[in-house]
C-alpha atoms as a PDB file:
ATOM      1  CA  MET A   1     -32.180  34.972 -20.180  1.00  0.00           C
ATOM      2  CA  ASP A   2     -34.242  32.055 -21.482  1.00  0.00           C
ATOM      3  CA  ILE A   3     -32.313  29.066 -19.999  1.00  0.00           C
ATOM      4  CA  THR A   4     -34.112  25.768 -19.467  1.00  0.00           C
ATOM      5  CA  ASN A   5     -31.270  23.820 -17.863  1.00  0.00           C
ATOM      6  CA  ARG A   6     -29.436  25.504 -15.014  1.00  0.00           C
ATOM      7  CA  PRO A   7     -26.962  23.015 -13.415  1.00  0.00           C
ATOM      8  CA  ARG A   8     -26.119  25.607 -10.759  1.00  0.00           C
ATOM      9  CA  ARG A   9     -29.478  24.919  -9.107  1.00  0.00           C
ATOM     10  CA  ASN A  10     -27.952  21.706  -7.742  1.00  0.00           C
ATOM     11  CA  ARG A  11     -24.987  23.607  -6.331  1.00  0.00           C
ATOM     12  CA  LYS A  12     -26.663  26.577  -4.686  1.00  0.00           C
ATOM     13  CA  ASN A  13     -26.081  25.570  -1.040  1.00  0.00           C
ATOM     14  CA  PRO A  14     -24.262  22.917   1.023  1.00  0.00           C
ATOM     15  CA  ILE A  15     -27.384  20.847   1.680  1.00  0.00           C
ATOM     16  CA  ILE A  16     -28.192  20.200  -1.951  1.00  0.00           C
ATOM     17  CA  ARG A  17     -24.508  19.754  -2.851  1.00  0.00           C
ATOM     18  CA  GLU A  18     -24.278  16.959  -0.289  1.00  0.00           C
ATOM     19  CA  MET A  19     -27.543  15.441  -1.479  1.00  0.00           C
ATOM     20  CA  VAL A  20     -26.434  15.106  -5.112  1.00  0.00           C
ATOM     21  CA  ALA A  21     -22.741  14.288  -4.515  1.00  0.00           C
ATOM     22  CA  GLU A  22     -21.601  11.450  -6.782  1.00  0.00           C
ATOM     23  CA  THR A  23     -18.537  10.457  -4.751  1.00  0.00           C
ATOM     24  CA  ARG A  24     -18.312  10.052  -0.995  1.00  0.00           C
ATOM     25  CA  LEU A  25     -15.323   9.360   1.222  1.00  0.00           C
ATOM     26  CA  HIS A  26     -15.577   7.200   4.321  1.00  0.00           C
ATOM     27  CA  LYS A  27     -13.054   6.181   6.951  1.00  0.00           C
ATOM     28  CA  ASP A  28     -13.653   2.515   6.112  1.00  0.00           C
ATOM     29  CA  MET A  29     -11.967   3.099   2.748  1.00  0.00           C
ATOM     30  CA  LEU A  30      -8.644   4.009   4.362  1.00  0.00           C
ATOM     31  CA  VAL A  31      -5.651   1.741   4.971  1.00  0.00           C
ATOM     32  CA  TYR A  32      -2.729   3.146   6.972  1.00  0.00           C
ATOM     33  CA  PRO A  33       0.845   2.046   6.115  1.00  0.00           C
ATOM     34  CA  VAL A  34       3.191   1.487   9.085  1.00  0.00           C
ATOM     35  CA  PHE A  35       6.870   0.568   9.450  1.00  0.00           C
ATOM     36  CA  ALA A  36       8.017  -1.948  12.064  1.00  0.00           C
ATOM     37  CA  MET A  37      11.664  -2.230  13.116  1.00  0.00           C
ATOM     38  CA  PRO A  38      13.637  -4.382  15.570  1.00  0.00           C
ATOM     39  CA  GLY A  39      14.301  -3.162  19.085  1.00  0.00           C
ATOM     40  CA  LYS A  40      12.295  -1.845  21.996  1.00  0.00           C
ATOM     41  CA  SER A  41      10.986   1.597  22.927  1.00  0.00           C
ATOM     42  CA  LEU A  42      12.182   2.995  19.601  1.00  0.00           C
ATOM     43  CA  ILE A  43      10.563   5.641  17.416  1.00  0.00           C
ATOM     44  CA  LYS A  44      12.547   6.975  14.471  1.00  0.00           C
ATOM     45  CA  GLU A  45      11.267   9.860  12.382  1.00  0.00           C
ATOM     46  CA  ILE A  46      11.509   9.521   8.611  1.00  0.00           C
ATOM     47  CA  SER A  47      12.990  12.847   7.567  1.00  0.00           C
ATOM     48  CA  SER A  48      11.503  12.872   4.077  1.00  0.00           C
ATOM     49  CA  MET A  49       8.008  11.965   5.347  1.00  0.00           C
ATOM     50  CA  PRO A  50       6.998  14.466   8.053  1.00  0.00           C
ATOM     51  CA  GLY A  51       4.755  12.841  10.638  1.00  0.00           C
ATOM     52  CA  ILE A  52       5.651   9.252   9.666  1.00  0.00           C
ATOM     53  CA  PHE A  53       7.923   7.083  11.831  1.00  0.00           C
ATOM     54  CA  ASN A  54       9.574   3.688  12.100  1.00  0.00           C
ATOM     55  CA  TYR A  55       8.386   1.935  15.279  1.00  0.00           C
ATOM     56  CA  SER A  56       9.625  -0.933  17.381  1.00  0.00           C
ATOM     57  CA  VAL A  57       6.779  -3.382  17.933  1.00  0.00           C
ATOM     58  CA  ASP A  58       5.951  -2.168  21.454  1.00  0.00           C
ATOM     59  CA  GLU A  59       5.678   1.408  20.186  1.00  0.00           C
ATOM     60  CA  LEU A  60       3.721   0.277  17.139  1.00  0.00           C
ATOM     61  CA  ILE A  61       1.142  -1.249  19.489  1.00  0.00           C
ATOM     62  CA  LYS A  62       0.763   2.124  21.230  1.00  0.00           C
ATOM     63  CA  HIS A  63       0.486   3.887  17.883  1.00  0.00           C
ATOM     64  CA  THR A  64      -2.143   1.396  16.754  1.00  0.00           C
ATOM     65  CA  GLU A  65      -4.262   2.196  19.817  1.00  0.00           C
ATOM     66  CA  LYS A  66      -4.412   5.782  18.543  1.00  0.00           C
ATOM     67  CA  SER A  67      -5.301   4.576  15.063  1.00  0.00           C
ATOM     68  CA  LEU A  68      -8.180   2.501  16.349  1.00  0.00           C
ATOM     69  CA  LYS A  69      -9.551   5.355  18.454  1.00  0.00           C
ATOM     70  CA  LEU A  70      -9.625   7.516  15.323  1.00  0.00           C
ATOM     71  CA  GLY A  71     -11.370   4.799  13.343  1.00  0.00           C
ATOM     72  CA  VAL A  72      -8.453   3.466  11.297  1.00  0.00           C
ATOM     73  CA  ASN A  73      -8.583  -0.313  11.744  1.00  0.00           C
ATOM     74  CA  LYS A  74      -6.632  -1.494   8.685  1.00  0.00           C
ATOM     75  CA  LEU A  75      -2.818  -1.421   8.628  1.00  0.00           C
ATOM     76  CA  LEU A  76      -0.378  -2.254   5.842  1.00  0.00           C
ATOM     77  CA  ILE A  77       2.820  -3.424   7.561  1.00  0.00           C
ATOM     78  CA  PHE A  78       6.356  -3.015   6.219  1.00  0.00           C
ATOM     79  CA  GLY A  79       9.485  -4.358   7.887  1.00  0.00           C
ATOM     80  CA  VAL A  80      12.718  -2.370   8.146  1.00  0.00           C
ATOM     81  CA  GLY A  81      16.088  -2.964   9.751  1.00  0.00           C
ATOM     82  CA  GLU A  82      16.392  -6.705   9.117  1.00  0.00           C
ATOM     83  CA  GLU A  83      19.691  -8.341   8.188  1.00  0.00           C
ATOM     84  CA  LYS A  84      20.262  -8.085   4.441  1.00  0.00           C
ATOM     85  CA  SER A  85      21.586 -10.862   2.202  1.00  0.00           C
ATOM     86  CA  GLU A  86      21.789 -11.715  -1.492  1.00  0.00           C
ATOM     87  CA  ASN A  87      18.786 -14.043  -1.258  1.00  0.00           C
ATOM     88  CA  ALA A  88      16.774 -12.148   1.373  1.00  0.00           C
ATOM     89  CA  ILE A  89      16.670 -15.065   3.810  1.00  0.00           C
ATOM     90  CA  SER A  90      15.586 -12.805   6.694  1.00  0.00           C
ATOM     91  CA  SER A  91      12.368 -11.971   4.829  1.00  0.00           C
ATOM     92  CA  HIS A  92      10.742 -15.318   5.579  1.00  0.00           C
ATOM     93  CA  GLN A  93      12.041 -16.237   9.025  1.00  0.00           C
ATOM     94  CA  GLN A  94       9.229 -16.850  11.488  1.00  0.00           C
ATOM     95  CA  ASN A  95      10.839 -14.415  13.936  1.00  0.00           C
ATOM     96  CA  SER A  96      11.150 -11.652  11.334  1.00  0.00           C
ATOM     97  CA  ILE A  97      10.082  -8.176  12.406  1.00  0.00           C
ATOM     98  CA  VAL A  98       6.933  -8.314  10.257  1.00  0.00           C
ATOM     99  CA  SER A  99       5.847 -11.713  11.556  1.00  0.00           C
ATOM    100  CA  THR A 100       6.556 -10.567  15.112  1.00  0.00           C
ATOM    101  CA  ALA A 101       4.563  -7.369  14.602  1.00  0.00           C
ATOM    102  CA  ILE A 102       1.641  -9.315  13.133  1.00  0.00           C
ATOM    103  CA  SER A 103       1.621 -11.781  16.012  1.00  0.00           C
ATOM    104  CA  GLU A 104       1.840  -9.109  18.727  1.00  0.00           C
ATOM    105  CA  LEU A 105      -0.744  -6.813  17.128  1.00  0.00           C
ATOM    106  CA  LYS A 106      -3.188  -9.682  16.723  1.00  0.00           C
ATOM    107  CA  LYS A 107      -2.567 -10.782  20.298  1.00  0.00           C
ATOM    108  CA  GLU A 108      -3.323  -7.257  21.510  1.00  0.00           C
ATOM    109  CA  PHE A 109      -6.221  -6.248  19.244  1.00  0.00           C
ATOM    110  CA  LYS A 110      -7.548  -9.556  17.867  1.00  0.00           C
ATOM    111  CA  ASP A 111     -10.265  -9.031  15.252  1.00  0.00           C
ATOM    112  CA  ASP A 112     -10.599  -5.325  16.017  1.00  0.00           C
ATOM    113  CA  ILE A 113      -7.799  -4.804  13.518  1.00  0.00           C
ATOM    114  CA  PHE A 114      -7.250  -6.010   9.956  1.00  0.00           C
ATOM    115  CA  LEU A 115      -3.603  -6.554   9.085  1.00  0.00           C
ATOM    116  CA  ILE A 116      -2.139  -6.574   5.582  1.00  0.00           C
ATOM    117  CA  SER A 117       1.542  -7.384   5.079  1.00  0.00           C
ATOM    118  CA  ASP A 118       3.714  -6.154   2.252  1.00  0.00           C
ATOM    119  CA  VAL A 119       5.463  -9.069   0.526  1.00  0.00           C
ATOM    120  CA  CYS A 120       8.604  -7.921  -1.268  1.00  0.00           C
ATOM    121  CA  LEU A 121      12.334  -8.515  -0.945  1.00  0.00           C
ATOM    122  CA  CYS A 122      13.816  -5.048  -1.565  1.00  0.00           C
ATOM    123  CA  ALA A 123      14.274  -4.221   2.144  1.00  0.00           C
ATOM    124  CA  TYR A 124      15.949  -7.595   2.763  1.00  0.00           C
ATOM    125  CA  THR A 125      18.488  -7.806  -0.084  1.00  0.00           C
ATOM    126  CA  THR A 126      21.976  -6.335  -0.067  1.00  0.00           C
ATOM    127  CA  HIS A 127      21.438  -5.029  -3.603  1.00  0.00           C
ATOM    128  CA  GLY A 128      18.038  -3.452  -2.909  1.00  0.00           C
ATOM    129  CA  HIS A 129      16.153  -5.166  -5.722  1.00  0.00           C
ATOM    130  CA  CYS A 130      12.808  -6.910  -5.299  1.00  0.00           C
ATOM    131  CA  GLY A 131      14.111 -10.368  -6.137  1.00  0.00           C
ATOM    132  CA  VAL A 132      17.149 -12.565  -6.671  1.00  0.00           C
ATOM    133  CA  LEU A 133      19.764 -10.739  -8.739  1.00  0.00           C
ATOM    134  CA  GLU A 134      21.991 -12.556 -11.237  1.00  0.00           C
ATOM    135  CA  ASN A 135      24.322 -10.684 -13.603  1.00  0.00           C
ATOM    136  CA  GLY A 136      22.351  -7.497 -13.026  1.00  0.00           C
ATOM    137  CA  TYR A 137      18.974  -9.066 -13.836  1.00  0.00           C
ATOM    138  CA  VAL A 138      16.262 -10.065 -11.351  1.00  0.00           C
ATOM    139  CA  LYS A 139      15.428 -13.751 -11.803  1.00  0.00           C
ATOM    140  CA  ASN A 140      11.678 -14.277 -11.811  1.00  0.00           C
ATOM    141  CA  ASP A 141      11.022 -17.852 -10.728  1.00  0.00           C
ATOM    142  CA  GLU A 142      13.768 -17.966  -8.109  1.00  0.00           C
ATOM    143  CA  SER A 143      12.360 -14.746  -6.629  1.00  0.00           C
ATOM    144  CA  VAL A 144       8.809 -16.124  -6.574  1.00  0.00           C
ATOM    145  CA  ASP A 145      10.033 -19.105  -4.542  1.00  0.00           C
ATOM    146  CA  ILE A 146      11.290 -16.771  -1.798  1.00  0.00           C
ATOM    147  CA  LEU A 147       8.230 -14.517  -1.963  1.00  0.00           C
ATOM    148  CA  THR A 148       5.895 -17.462  -1.401  1.00  0.00           C
ATOM    149  CA  LYS A 149       7.859 -18.446   1.703  1.00  0.00           C
ATOM    150  CA  MET A 150       7.604 -14.869   2.963  1.00  0.00           C
ATOM    151  CA  ALA A 151       3.844 -14.795   2.426  1.00  0.00           C
ATOM    152  CA  LEU A 152       3.433 -18.135   4.194  1.00  0.00           C
ATOM    153  CA  SER A 153       5.436 -16.926   7.206  1.00  0.00           C
ATOM    154  CA  HIS A 154       3.098 -13.931   7.520  1.00  0.00           C
ATOM    155  CA  ALA A 155       0.045 -16.183   7.221  1.00  0.00           C
ATOM    156  CA  ARG A 156       1.398 -18.380   9.994  1.00  0.00           C
ATOM    157  CA  ALA A 157       1.851 -15.273  12.170  1.00  0.00           C
ATOM    158  CA  GLY A 158      -1.843 -14.467  11.755  1.00  0.00           C
ATOM    159  CA  VAL A 159      -1.997 -11.829   9.016  1.00  0.00           C
ATOM    160  CA  ASP A 160      -5.410 -11.260   7.439  1.00  0.00           C
ATOM    161  CA  MET A 161      -4.121 -10.498   3.944  1.00  0.00           C
ATOM    162  CA  VAL A 162      -0.791 -10.524   2.127  1.00  0.00           C
ATOM    163  CA  ALA A 163       0.115  -7.911  -0.465  1.00  0.00           C
ATOM    164  CA  PRO A 164       2.825  -8.972  -2.950  1.00  0.00           C
ATOM    165  CA  SER A 165       4.428  -5.810  -4.346  1.00  0.00           C
ATOM    166  CA  ASP A 166       7.379  -7.246  -6.272  1.00  0.00           C
ATOM    167  CA  MET A 167       5.807  -7.460  -9.770  1.00  0.00           C
ATOM    168  CA  MET A 168       7.230 -10.904 -10.536  1.00  0.00           C
ATOM    169  CA  ASP A 169       5.227 -12.946 -13.042  1.00  0.00           C
ATOM    170  CA  GLY A 170       3.102 -15.702 -11.512  1.00  0.00           C
ATOM    171  CA  ARG A 171       3.640 -14.778  -7.892  1.00  0.00           C
ATOM    172  CA  VAL A 172      -0.050 -14.383  -7.016  1.00  0.00           C
ATOM    173  CA  GLY A 173      -0.881 -17.910  -8.174  1.00  0.00           C
ATOM    174  CA  ALA A 174       2.159 -19.355  -6.423  1.00  0.00           C
ATOM    175  CA  ILE A 175       1.333 -17.583  -3.147  1.00  0.00           C
ATOM    176  CA  ARG A 176      -2.321 -18.616  -3.332  1.00  0.00           C
ATOM    177  CA  SER A 177      -1.373 -22.228  -3.997  1.00  0.00           C
ATOM    178  CA  LEU A 178       1.169 -22.462  -1.162  1.00  0.00           C
ATOM    179  CA  MET A 179      -1.099 -20.802   1.383  1.00  0.00           C
ATOM    180  CA  ASP A 180      -4.039 -23.002   0.402  1.00  0.00           C
ATOM    181  CA  SER A 181      -1.985 -26.178   0.626  1.00  0.00           C
ATOM    182  CA  ASN A 182      -0.921 -25.162   4.141  1.00  0.00           C
ATOM    183  CA  GLY A 183      -4.461 -24.527   5.332  1.00  0.00           C
ATOM    184  CA  PHE A 184      -4.561 -20.725   4.980  1.00  0.00           C
ATOM    185  CA  THR A 185      -7.468 -20.614   2.568  1.00  0.00           C
ATOM    186  CA  GLU A 186      -9.003 -17.638   4.408  1.00  0.00           C
ATOM    187  CA  THR A 187      -5.891 -15.446   4.133  1.00  0.00           C
ATOM    188  CA  GLY A 188      -6.532 -12.904   1.388  1.00  0.00           C
ATOM    189  CA  VAL A 189      -4.269 -11.602  -1.365  1.00  0.00           C
ATOM    190  CA  MET A 190      -4.206  -7.908  -2.242  1.00  0.00           C
ATOM    191  CA  SER A 191      -1.990  -7.810  -5.292  1.00  0.00           C
ATOM    192  CA  TYR A 192       0.064  -4.812  -6.329  1.00  0.00           C
ATOM    193  CA  SER A 193      -1.179  -5.714  -9.795  1.00  0.00           C
ATOM    194  CA  ILE A 194      -0.291  -2.456 -11.523  1.00  0.00           C
ATOM    195  CA  LYS A 195       2.871  -1.058  -9.972  1.00  0.00           C
ATOM    196  CA  TYR A 196       4.744   1.422 -12.083  1.00  0.00           C
ATOM    197  CA  ALA A 197       8.474   2.144 -12.072  1.00  0.00           C
ATOM    198  CA  SER A 198       7.839   5.566 -10.603  1.00  0.00           C
ATOM    199  CA  ALA A 199       9.840   8.516  -9.289  1.00  0.00           C
ATOM    200  CA  TYR A 200       7.167   8.976  -6.593  1.00  0.00           C
ATOM    201  CA  TYR A 201       8.699   6.284  -4.340  1.00  0.00           C
ATOM    202  CA  GLY A 202      11.745   8.262  -3.175  1.00  0.00           C
ATOM    203  CA  PRO A 203      10.757   9.003   0.444  1.00  0.00           C
ATOM    204  CA  PHE A 204       9.620   5.398   0.989  1.00  0.00           C
ATOM    205  CA  ARG A 205      13.060   4.138   0.018  1.00  0.00           C
ATOM    206  CA  GLU A 206      14.519   6.179   2.864  1.00  0.00           C
ATOM    207  CA  ALA A 207      11.922   4.770   5.250  1.00  0.00           C
ATOM    208  CA  ALA A 208      12.539   1.144   4.264  1.00  0.00           C
ATOM    209  CA  ASP A 209      16.233   1.474   3.320  1.00  0.00           C
ATOM    210  CA  SER A 210      15.355  -0.200   0.032  1.00  0.00           C
ATOM    211  CA  SER A 211      17.020   1.808  -2.742  1.00  0.00           C
ATOM    212  CA  PRO A 212      18.614  -0.305  -5.496  1.00  0.00           C
ATOM    213  CA  GLN A 213      22.394  -0.297  -5.183  1.00  0.00           C
ATOM    214  CA  SER A 214      22.704  -0.428  -8.975  1.00  0.00           C
ATOM    215  CA  GLY A 215      20.431  -0.061 -11.960  1.00  0.00           C
ATOM    216  CA  ASP A 216      16.693   0.466 -11.626  1.00  0.00           C
ATOM    217  CA  ARG A 217      13.487  -1.555 -11.426  1.00  0.00           C
ATOM    218  CA  LYS A 218      12.199  -0.975 -14.946  1.00  0.00           C
ATOM    219  CA  ALA A 219      12.726  -4.608 -15.976  1.00  0.00           C
ATOM    220  CA  TYR A 220      10.019  -5.761 -13.554  1.00  0.00           C
ATOM    221  CA  GLN A 221       7.943  -2.756 -12.512  1.00  0.00           C
ATOM    222  CA  MET A 222       5.717  -1.305 -15.219  1.00  0.00           C
ATOM    223  CA  ASP A 223       6.500   1.342 -17.832  1.00  0.00           C
ATOM    224  CA  TYR A 224       4.423   4.396 -16.900  1.00  0.00           C
ATOM    225  CA  ARG A 225       3.644   4.995 -20.568  1.00  0.00           C
ATOM    226  CA  ASN A 226       1.505   1.848 -20.714  1.00  0.00           C
ATOM    227  CA  SER A 227      -2.088   1.291 -19.653  1.00  0.00           C
ATOM    228  CA  LEU A 228      -3.177  -1.647 -21.838  1.00  0.00           C
ATOM    229  CA  GLU A 229      -0.323  -3.668 -20.365  1.00  0.00           C
ATOM    230  CA  ALA A 230      -1.623  -2.666 -16.944  1.00  0.00           C
ATOM    231  CA  MET A 231      -4.947  -4.315 -17.684  1.00  0.00           C
ATOM    232  CA  GLN A 232      -3.134  -7.473 -18.765  1.00  0.00           C
ATOM    233  CA  GLU A 233      -1.216  -7.563 -15.479  1.00  0.00           C
ATOM    234  CA  ALA A 234      -4.369  -7.033 -13.426  1.00  0.00           C
ATOM    235  CA  ILE A 235      -6.443  -9.680 -15.195  1.00  0.00           C
ATOM    236  CA  LEU A 236      -3.617 -12.200 -14.858  1.00  0.00           C
ATOM    237  CA  ASP A 237      -3.589 -11.572 -11.097  1.00  0.00           C
ATOM    238  CA  GLU A 238      -7.369 -11.880 -10.927  1.00  0.00           C
ATOM    239  CA  ASN A 239      -7.209 -15.214 -12.724  1.00  0.00           C
ATOM    240  CA  GLU A 240      -4.466 -16.399 -10.347  1.00  0.00           C
ATOM    241  CA  GLY A 241      -6.672 -15.799  -7.302  1.00  0.00           C
ATOM    242  CA  ALA A 242      -6.144 -12.214  -6.155  1.00  0.00           C
ATOM    243  CA  ASP A 243      -8.947 -10.878  -3.950  1.00  0.00           C
ATOM    244  CA  ILE A 244      -8.146  -7.185  -4.426  1.00  0.00           C
ATOM    245  CA  LEU A 245      -6.250  -5.451  -7.249  1.00  0.00           C
ATOM    246  CA  MET A 246      -4.073  -2.403  -6.606  1.00  0.00           C
ATOM    247  CA  VAL A 247      -2.827   0.519  -8.677  1.00  0.00           C
ATOM    248  CA  LYS A 248       0.380   2.211  -7.482  1.00  0.00           C
ATOM    249  CA  PRO A 249       1.038   5.160  -7.475  1.00  0.00           C
ATOM    250  CA  ALA A 250      -2.393   6.784  -7.410  1.00  0.00           C
ATOM    251  CA  LEU A 251      -2.310  10.504  -8.179  1.00  0.00           C
ATOM    252  CA  ALA A 252      -0.675  10.347 -11.613  1.00  0.00           C
ATOM    253  CA  TYR A 253      -2.614   7.203 -12.562  1.00  0.00           C
ATOM    254  CA  LEU A 254      -6.269   8.124 -12.097  1.00  0.00           C
ATOM    255  CA  ASP A 255      -6.910   7.100 -15.701  1.00  0.00           C
ATOM    256  CA  VAL A 256      -5.540   3.623 -14.953  1.00  0.00           C
ATOM    257  CA  ILE A 257      -7.752   3.275 -11.876  1.00  0.00           C
ATOM    258  CA  LYS A 258     -10.772   4.221 -13.989  1.00  0.00           C
ATOM    259  CA  GLN A 259      -9.768   1.820 -16.768  1.00  0.00           C
ATOM    260  CA  LEU A 260      -9.305  -1.017 -14.278  1.00  0.00           C
ATOM    261  CA  LYS A 261     -12.732  -0.276 -12.790  1.00  0.00           C
ATOM    262  CA  LEU A 262     -14.223  -1.002 -16.210  1.00  0.00           C
ATOM    263  CA  ASN A 263     -12.306  -4.259 -16.591  1.00  0.00           C
ATOM    264  CA  THR A 264     -12.849  -6.078 -13.283  1.00  0.00           C
ATOM    265  CA  ASN A 265     -15.512  -6.785 -10.697  1.00  0.00           C
ATOM    266  CA  LEU A 266     -12.938  -7.160  -7.913  1.00  0.00           C
ATOM    267  CA  PRO A 267     -12.413  -4.374  -5.353  1.00  0.00           C
ATOM    268  CA  ILE A 268      -9.752  -1.871  -6.413  1.00  0.00           C
ATOM    269  CA  ALA A 269      -7.148  -0.369  -4.107  1.00  0.00           C
ATOM    270  CA  CYS A 270      -4.845   2.508  -4.870  1.00  0.00           C
ATOM    271  CA  TYR A 271      -1.685   3.511  -3.040  1.00  0.00           C
ATOM    272  CA  ASN A 272      -1.287   7.217  -2.304  1.00  0.00           C
ATOM    273  CA  VAL A 273       2.476   6.814  -2.159  1.00  0.00           C
ATOM    274  CA  SER A 274       5.237   8.503  -0.198  1.00  0.00           C
ATOM    275  CA  GLY A 275       6.175  11.051  -2.857  1.00  0.00           C
ATOM    276  CA  GLU A 276       2.567  12.168  -3.189  1.00  0.00           C
ATOM    277  CA  TYR A 277       2.298  12.447   0.590  1.00  0.00           C
ATOM    278  CA  SER A 278       5.577  14.322   1.027  1.00  0.00           C
ATOM    279  CA  MET A 279       4.818  16.855  -1.707  1.00  0.00           C
ATOM    280  CA  VAL A 280       1.606  17.828   0.059  1.00  0.00           C
ATOM    281  CA  LYS A 281       3.341  17.946   3.440  1.00  0.00           C
ATOM    282  CA  ALA A 282       6.232  20.069   2.140  1.00  0.00           C
ATOM    283  CA  ALA A 283       3.930  22.584   0.467  1.00  0.00           C
ATOM    284  CA  ALA A 284       1.714  22.740   3.554  1.00  0.00           C
ATOM    285  CA  LEU A 285       4.687  23.329   5.848  1.00  0.00           C
ATOM    286  CA  LYS A 286       5.690  26.240   3.603  1.00  0.00           C
ATOM    287  CA  GLY A 287       2.173  27.630   3.832  1.00  0.00           C
ATOM    288  CA  TRP A 288       1.683  27.333   0.089  1.00  0.00           C
ATOM    289  CA  VAL A 289      -1.411  25.106   0.233  1.00  0.00           C
ATOM    290  CA  ASP A 290      -4.204  24.243   2.639  1.00  0.00           C
ATOM    291  CA  GLU A 291      -3.217  20.711   3.654  1.00  0.00           C
ATOM    292  CA  GLY A 292      -6.666  19.517   4.640  1.00  0.00           C
ATOM    293  CA  LYS A 293      -8.327  20.752   1.458  1.00  0.00           C
ATOM    294  CA  ILE A 294      -5.599  19.246  -0.755  1.00  0.00           C
ATOM    295  CA  VAL A 295      -5.786  15.879   1.020  1.00  0.00           C
ATOM    296  CA  ARG A 296      -9.565  15.771   0.765  1.00  0.00           C
ATOM    297  CA  GLU A 297      -9.432  16.658  -2.921  1.00  0.00           C
ATOM    298  CA  ASN A 298      -6.808  14.008  -3.673  1.00  0.00           C
ATOM    299  CA  LEU A 299      -8.615  11.269  -1.740  1.00  0.00           C
ATOM    300  CA  THR A 300     -11.879  12.190  -3.440  1.00  0.00           C
ATOM    301  CA  ALA A 301     -10.177  11.963  -6.835  1.00  0.00           C
ATOM    302  CA  PHE A 302      -9.042   8.397  -6.067  1.00  0.00           C
ATOM    303  CA  ALA A 303     -12.570   7.398  -5.088  1.00  0.00           C
ATOM    304  CA  ARG A 304     -14.101   9.199  -8.070  1.00  0.00           C
ATOM    305  CA  ALA A 305     -11.763   7.312 -10.402  1.00  0.00           C
ATOM    306  CA  GLY A 306     -13.048   4.022  -8.972  1.00  0.00           C
ATOM    307  CA  ALA A 307     -10.926   3.056  -5.965  1.00  0.00           C
ATOM    308  CA  ASN A 308     -12.786   1.260  -3.173  1.00  0.00           C
ATOM    309  CA  ILE A 309      -9.711   1.222  -0.923  1.00  0.00           C
ATOM    310  CA  ILE A 310      -7.206   4.038  -0.423  1.00  0.00           C
ATOM    311  CA  ILE A 311      -3.835   3.268   1.142  1.00  0.00           C
ATOM    312  CA  THR A 312      -2.570   6.581   2.454  1.00  0.00           C
ATOM    313  CA  TYR A 313      -0.133   8.041   4.989  1.00  0.00           C
ATOM    314  CA  HIS A 314      -2.672  10.862   5.450  1.00  0.00           C
ATOM    315  CA  ALA A 315      -5.185   8.501   7.112  1.00  0.00           C
ATOM    316  CA  LEU A 316      -4.669   9.524  10.743  1.00  0.00           C
ATOM    317  CA  ASP A 317      -4.397  13.247   9.987  1.00  0.00           C
ATOM    318  CA  ALA A 318      -7.508  13.087   7.822  1.00  0.00           C
ATOM    319  CA  LEU A 319      -9.623  11.620  10.618  1.00  0.00           C
ATOM    320  CA  GLU A 320      -8.041  13.498  13.509  1.00  0.00           C
ATOM    321  CA  ASN A 321      -8.611  16.830  11.724  1.00  0.00           C
ATOM    322  CA  ASN A 322     -11.982  15.914  10.194  1.00  0.00           C
ATOM    323  CA  TRP A 323     -10.731  16.395   6.619  1.00  0.00           C
ATOM    324  CA  LEU A 324     -13.126  13.819   5.177  1.00  0.00           C
END
């Protein structure tokens, strides 16, 4: 055959495939989500997320030692088990489980670890919504007021970066302003800028006990049919002072990650969410898929689409089993 261009020449063996690879994964891209709960010497398995647990702070410190040994030095912290109320007052108390976890982890590991805290009210409200509920509708500005207090309490505890995940309008600017005025100009903001009202969050809602008691979150989280609106949300957050923009979920929204990459110069994070994690785990436990190969392929897809940062429950398994 008379063929001038033969692309297979660049795929003929592992050495050349590695040499010409366009996308590369690295452990420094990974952020590991963890769940802190009140109590002592407690570890509670999350049934819908095999291998993921809720930890009391003392046990979370032990678990973090393992993370650091494997090379995972960035944690995204969620709080569970706090007292719930209509206005989520427990979310911003200085002795909250998240603030306590931040303080104790920083005391133990100092700058060897980078801590990011989730800022949202769903795990702290009796109704399970991400803000103040009035006549079945989440009030935006009243919710932002509480969210800013929550972010400030985490900053005071020593967190490196806050991550508002509520999808209220204007919350990034309000958080940035309050933290700056209180001297926390070096505390970063990773905004859940593009967070869709997704069915992929089911297992997380068990982990955080954060399911809405009525209705859904479609009036504040994004319509998954829209991508132009997603760019609007992200650019608004960039203009309000976000340091990192996030797309959530990740697997079904690779096109949105790619589109955002073309519209911002900020680093982009994506959240490989609980439903995505649990589907892989369930299929692997059944022997239907090769877990390591699926995880590597998914993580590579996120990076190929343009994500600089990948938040994933697979982080420890990926490094412990050399899946990257």
